[in-house]
Amino acid sequence: MRGIARSAVPVCVLALIVGFLAPPAAAATWSSTDRWGTWTNGGYTLYNNIWGNGHGPQTIWANSYSNWGVWANHPNTGGVKSYPNATRNIGRRISTIGSLTSRFNVTVPGGGSYATAYDIWDTGHAYEIMLWMNKRGAVGPLGTRQTSASVGGHSWDIYRGSNGANQVFSFVRTGNTNSGTVDVKAVLNWLRSNGWMGDVTLGDVQFGYEITSSSGGMDFRTNEFSVTSS
């Protein structure tokens, strides 16, 4: 409302404006506007993770590891601005994991540029495995497309590349979805059977929103999330 005198705007209108622009964190159990804000709950860690250049404000909020979200207002300037996420550490060699699955259900905006994605790491951070469950706008995976495959309960276009620090394997779902179950162990077995990586020790399984732009302020909500292993 730049250029309008404060006294010229009725109080009720101001209240509506503030309510529209404010992030939905007021009633949450935990919230943070800090770039690196973290919270642990139920064996998971939530992380605001505003790591990119040229970012805007972002607030993460949570009632639990499975019910959380962010309000983000990042400019449309290109480049990833943040990856707010929930993380579960596994800490076991792939061959010793009997099963590893994850469930998710999200509500995402109809504007902006972002991907809802898993980011999975070995403990040495030599390998990064991304599972893109949905994407919108000017976003794309690192590297070049290698093949397509149906594995872990979904059909993917699979990319391989390097960011200079580690190998990156990106499984981009052939159609967007906002909910489902992923057999992560099956994806790891596929990578091993194709010789892309060995029997590494699995570290973090992360799930969140890789946000490139959300100009004007947008809500990303995790309605359900869990990682189960045996």
Protein backbone atom coordinates (compact mmCIF):
# COMPACT_ATOMS: atom_id res chain seq x y z
CA MET A 1 0.00 0.00 0.00
CA ARG A 2 2.88 2.36 -0.75
CA GLY A 3 1.86 6.00 -1.19
CA ILE A 4 -1.39 5.78 0.82
CA ALA A 5 -1.50 7.58 4.14
CA ARG A 6 -2.01 5.23 7.07
CA SER A 7 -4.93 7.26 8.38
CA ALA A 8 -6.70 6.91 5.01
CA VAL A 9 -7.00 3.12 5.30
CA PRO A 10 -9.80 1.82 7.56
CA VAL A 11 -8.67 -0.40 10.41
CA CYS A 12 -10.72 -3.34 9.11
CA VAL A 13 -9.01 -3.12 5.70
CA LEU A 14 -5.59 -3.02 7.35
CA ALA A 15 -6.46 -6.15 9.31
CA LEU A 16 -7.44 -7.97 6.13
CA ILE A 17 -4.21 -6.90 4.40
CA VAL A 18 -2.03 -8.02 7.28
CA GLY A 19 -3.87 -11.33 7.50
CA PHE A 20 -3.38 -11.92 3.77
CA LEU A 21 0.34 -11.14 3.75
CA ALA A 22 1.37 -12.76 7.03
CA PRO A 23 2.82 -16.29 7.00
CA PRO A 24 0.59 -19.01 8.54
CA ALA A 25 2.82 -19.64 11.55
CA ALA A 26 1.08 -17.84 14.42
CA ALA A 27 -0.69 -20.90 15.81
CA ALA A 28 2.06 -23.44 15.09
CA THR A 29 4.00 -25.28 17.80
CA TRP A 30 7.28 -23.95 16.36
CA SER A 31 8.24 -21.40 13.73
CA SER A 32 11.37 -19.58 12.60
CA THR A 33 12.37 -16.86 10.16
CA ASP A 34 16.08 -17.58 10.64
CA ARG A 35 17.90 -18.72 7.48
CA TRP A 36 19.20 -21.81 9.26
CA GLY A 37 16.41 -22.30 11.79
CA THR A 38 16.10 -25.92 12.99
CA TRP A 39 13.75 -27.93 15.20
CA THR A 40 13.85 -31.59 16.20
CA ASN A 41 10.73 -33.68 16.73
CA GLY A 42 10.07 -37.42 16.80
CA GLY A 43 13.49 -38.36 15.46
CA TYR A 44 13.31 -35.87 12.58
CA THR A 45 14.93 -32.46 12.09
CA LEU A 46 13.14 -29.59 10.37
CA TYR A 47 15.37 -27.07 8.64
CA ASN A 48 14.49 -23.67 7.11
CA ASN A 49 17.61 -23.84 4.89
CA ILE A 50 17.54 -20.57 2.93
CA TRP A 51 20.85 -21.23 1.19
CA GLY A 52 20.64 -19.51 -2.22
CA ASN A 53 21.65 -16.03 -3.32
CA GLY A 54 19.12 -13.24 -3.78
CA HIS A 55 16.54 -14.80 -1.50
CA GLY A 56 13.58 -13.09 0.12
CA PRO A 57 11.89 -13.74 3.48
CA GLN A 58 10.80 -17.24 4.45
CA THR A 59 9.10 -18.58 7.57
CA ILE A 60 9.04 -22.26 8.46
CA TRP A 61 6.38 -23.53 10.88
CA ALA A 62 5.60 -26.94 12.32
CA ASN A 63 3.21 -28.76 14.61
CA SER A 64 5.18 -31.98 14.16
CA TYR A 65 7.64 -33.58 11.73
CA SER A 66 4.66 -34.73 9.64
CA ASN A 67 2.67 -31.49 9.73
CA TRP A 68 4.70 -28.46 8.73
CA GLY A 69 5.19 -25.92 5.98
CA VAL A 70 6.72 -22.68 4.84
CA TRP A 71 5.60 -19.28 3.68
CA ALA A 72 8.16 -17.95 1.21
CA ASN A 73 8.47 -14.73 -0.79
CA HIS A 74 11.45 -15.24 -3.09
CA PRO A 75 11.92 -13.03 -6.16
CA ASN A 76 11.68 -14.34 -9.70
CA THR A 77 15.39 -13.94 -10.41
CA GLY A 78 16.45 -17.51 -11.25
CA GLY A 79 18.50 -19.89 -9.14
CA VAL A 80 17.35 -21.98 -6.18
CA LYS A 81 16.76 -19.84 -3.10
CA SER A 82 15.96 -22.44 -0.44
CA TYR A 83 15.25 -26.05 0.40
CA PRO A 84 13.16 -26.16 3.58
CA ASN A 85 12.91 -29.79 4.59
CA ALA A 86 12.27 -32.49 7.16
CA THR A 87 15.15 -34.95 7.63
CA ARG A 88 15.39 -38.50 8.97
CA ASN A 89 18.87 -39.97 9.45
CA ILE A 90 19.27 -43.67 8.63
CA GLY A 91 22.99 -44.40 9.25
CA ARG A 92 23.09 -47.93 7.78
CA ARG A 93 24.72 -49.60 4.80
CA ILE A 94 22.26 -50.17 1.98
CA SER A 95 22.77 -53.94 2.06
CA THR A 96 21.69 -54.08 5.72
CA ILE A 97 18.42 -52.22 5.13
CA GLY A 98 15.49 -54.60 4.78
CA SER A 99 12.99 -51.95 3.73
CA LEU A 100 12.93 -48.18 3.43
CA THR A 101 9.75 -46.39 2.43
CA SER A 102 8.32 -42.91 2.75
CA ARG A 103 4.85 -41.41 2.60
CA PHE A 104 4.00 -37.80 1.78
CA ASN A 105 1.03 -35.54 1.16
CA VAL A 106 1.47 -31.87 0.28
CA THR A 107 -0.45 -28.78 -0.76
CA VAL A 108 1.57 -26.55 -3.08
CA PRO A 109 0.87 -23.23 -4.83
CA GLY A 110 -0.30 -22.85 -8.42
CA GLY A 111 2.29 -20.16 -9.10
CA GLY A 112 6.04 -19.70 -8.73
CA SER A 113 8.87 -22.06 -9.63
CA TYR A 114 9.72 -24.98 -7.37
CA ALA A 115 10.02 -28.74 -6.97
CA THR A 116 8.69 -30.94 -4.21
CA ALA A 117 11.57 -33.37 -3.79
CA TYR A 118 13.39 -35.91 -1.70
CA ASP A 119 17.10 -35.27 -1.24
CA ILE A 120 18.91 -38.44 -0.13
CA TRP A 121 22.58 -38.56 0.90
CA ASP A 122 25.22 -41.09 1.80
CA THR A 123 27.15 -40.31 4.98
CA GLY A 124 30.23 -39.23 3.02
CA HIS A 125 28.20 -36.90 0.78
CA ALA A 126 29.72 -38.46 -2.34
CA TYR A 127 26.25 -39.15 -3.75
CA GLU A 128 23.07 -37.09 -3.83
CA ILE A 129 19.85 -38.75 -4.94
CA MET A 130 16.90 -36.48 -5.72
CA LEU A 131 13.36 -37.76 -6.23
CA TRP A 132 11.24 -35.05 -7.84
CA MET A 133 7.59 -35.73 -7.01
CA ASN A 134 6.26 -32.56 -8.61
CA LYS A 135 7.68 -29.48 -10.29
CA ARG A 136 6.40 -26.18 -11.58
CA GLY A 137 7.89 -23.28 -13.53
CA ALA A 138 11.46 -22.70 -14.62
CA VAL A 139 13.15 -25.58 -12.80
CA GLY A 140 15.06 -28.64 -13.96
CA PRO A 141 17.46 -31.33 -12.73
CA LEU A 142 21.24 -31.21 -12.84
CA GLY A 143 23.06 -33.22 -15.51
CA THR A 144 21.76 -35.02 -18.58
CA ARG A 145 18.96 -37.50 -19.07
CA GLN A 146 20.24 -41.07 -19.06
CA THR A 147 17.14 -43.26 -19.28
CA SER A 148 13.62 -43.82 -18.03
CA ALA A 149 12.50 -46.47 -15.55
CA SER A 150 9.63 -47.54 -13.33
CA VAL A 151 11.03 -48.22 -9.88
CA GLY A 152 9.99 -47.59 -6.30
CA GLY A 153 6.32 -47.33 -7.24
CA HIS A 154 6.72 -44.50 -9.77
CA SER A 155 7.83 -43.86 -13.36
CA TRP A 156 10.80 -41.52 -13.81
CA ASP A 157 13.05 -39.74 -16.24
CA ILE A 158 16.50 -40.27 -14.74
CA TYR A 159 19.33 -37.74 -14.93
CA ARG A 160 22.97 -37.99 -13.92
CA GLY A 161 25.47 -35.20 -13.31
CA SER A 162 27.89 -33.59 -10.88
CA ASN A 163 27.81 -30.31 -8.97
CA GLY A 164 31.59 -30.35 -8.55
CA ALA A 165 31.41 -31.79 -5.04
CA ASN A 166 29.37 -34.97 -5.50
CA GLN A 167 27.52 -37.12 -8.01
CA VAL A 168 23.86 -36.19 -8.42
CA PHE A 169 21.21 -38.68 -9.55
CA SER A 170 17.82 -37.08 -10.23
CA PHE A 171 14.66 -39.16 -10.64
CA VAL A 172 12.05 -36.82 -12.13
CA ARG A 173 8.54 -38.25 -11.96
CA THR A 174 6.93 -38.37 -15.41
CA GLY A 175 3.74 -36.84 -14.00
CA ASN A 176 3.30 -34.57 -11.01
CA THR A 177 1.77 -35.92 -7.82
CA ASN A 178 1.10 -34.33 -4.43
CA SER A 179 0.78 -37.55 -2.44
CA GLY A 180 1.97 -41.12 -2.42
CA THR A 181 4.40 -43.72 -1.13
CA VAL A 182 7.96 -44.18 -2.38
CA ASP A 183 9.99 -47.38 -2.03
CA VAL A 184 13.34 -45.70 -1.44
CA LYS A 185 15.18 -49.01 -1.00
CA ALA A 186 14.11 -50.06 -4.51
CA VAL A 187 15.58 -46.84 -5.92
CA LEU A 188 18.85 -47.46 -4.08
CA ASN A 189 18.95 -51.04 -5.37
CA TRP A 190 18.41 -49.77 -8.93
CA LEU A 191 21.39 -47.42 -8.60
CA ARG A 192 23.57 -50.23 -7.25
CA SER A 193 22.50 -52.76 -9.87
CA ASN A 194 23.34 -50.28 -12.63
CA GLY A 195 26.79 -49.65 -11.16
CA TRP A 196 26.19 -45.99 -10.40
CA MET A 197 27.16 -46.38 -6.75
CA GLY A 198 28.23 -49.11 -4.33
CA ASP A 199 27.07 -50.36 -0.96
CA VAL A 200 27.41 -47.00 0.73
CA THR A 201 26.19 -46.05 4.19
CA LEU A 202 22.96 -44.15 3.83
CA GLY A 203 22.78 -40.89 5.75
CA ASP A 204 19.92 -38.38 5.55
CA VAL A 205 16.58 -38.86 3.84
CA GLN A 206 15.24 -35.33 3.37
CA PHE A 207 11.88 -34.19 2.01
CA GLY A 208 10.89 -30.64 1.22
CA TYR A 209 10.53 -27.85 -1.30
CA GLU A 210 13.31 -26.63 -3.58
CA ILE A 211 12.06 -23.09 -4.19
CA THR A 212 13.37 -20.93 -7.03
CA SER A 213 10.70 -18.22 -6.93
CA SER A 214 7.53 -17.49 -4.95
CA SER A 215 7.06 -13.79 -5.58
CA GLY A 216 4.36 -12.13 -3.50
CA GLY A 217 4.43 -14.85 -0.84
CA MET A 218 3.29 -18.45 -1.27
CA ASP A 219 2.39 -21.32 1.05
CA PHE A 220 3.89 -24.80 0.88
CA ARG A 221 2.23 -27.24 3.27
CA THR A 222 3.22 -30.75 4.31
CA ASN A 223 0.05 -32.50 5.43
CA GLU A 224 1.75 -35.86 5.99
CA PHE A 225 5.32 -37.15 5.92
CA SER A 226 7.11 -40.16 7.35
CA VAL A 227 10.11 -42.39 6.70
CA THR A 228 9.94 -46.04 7.78
CA SER A 229 12.84 -48.49 7.73
CA SER A 230 13.65 -51.98 8.91
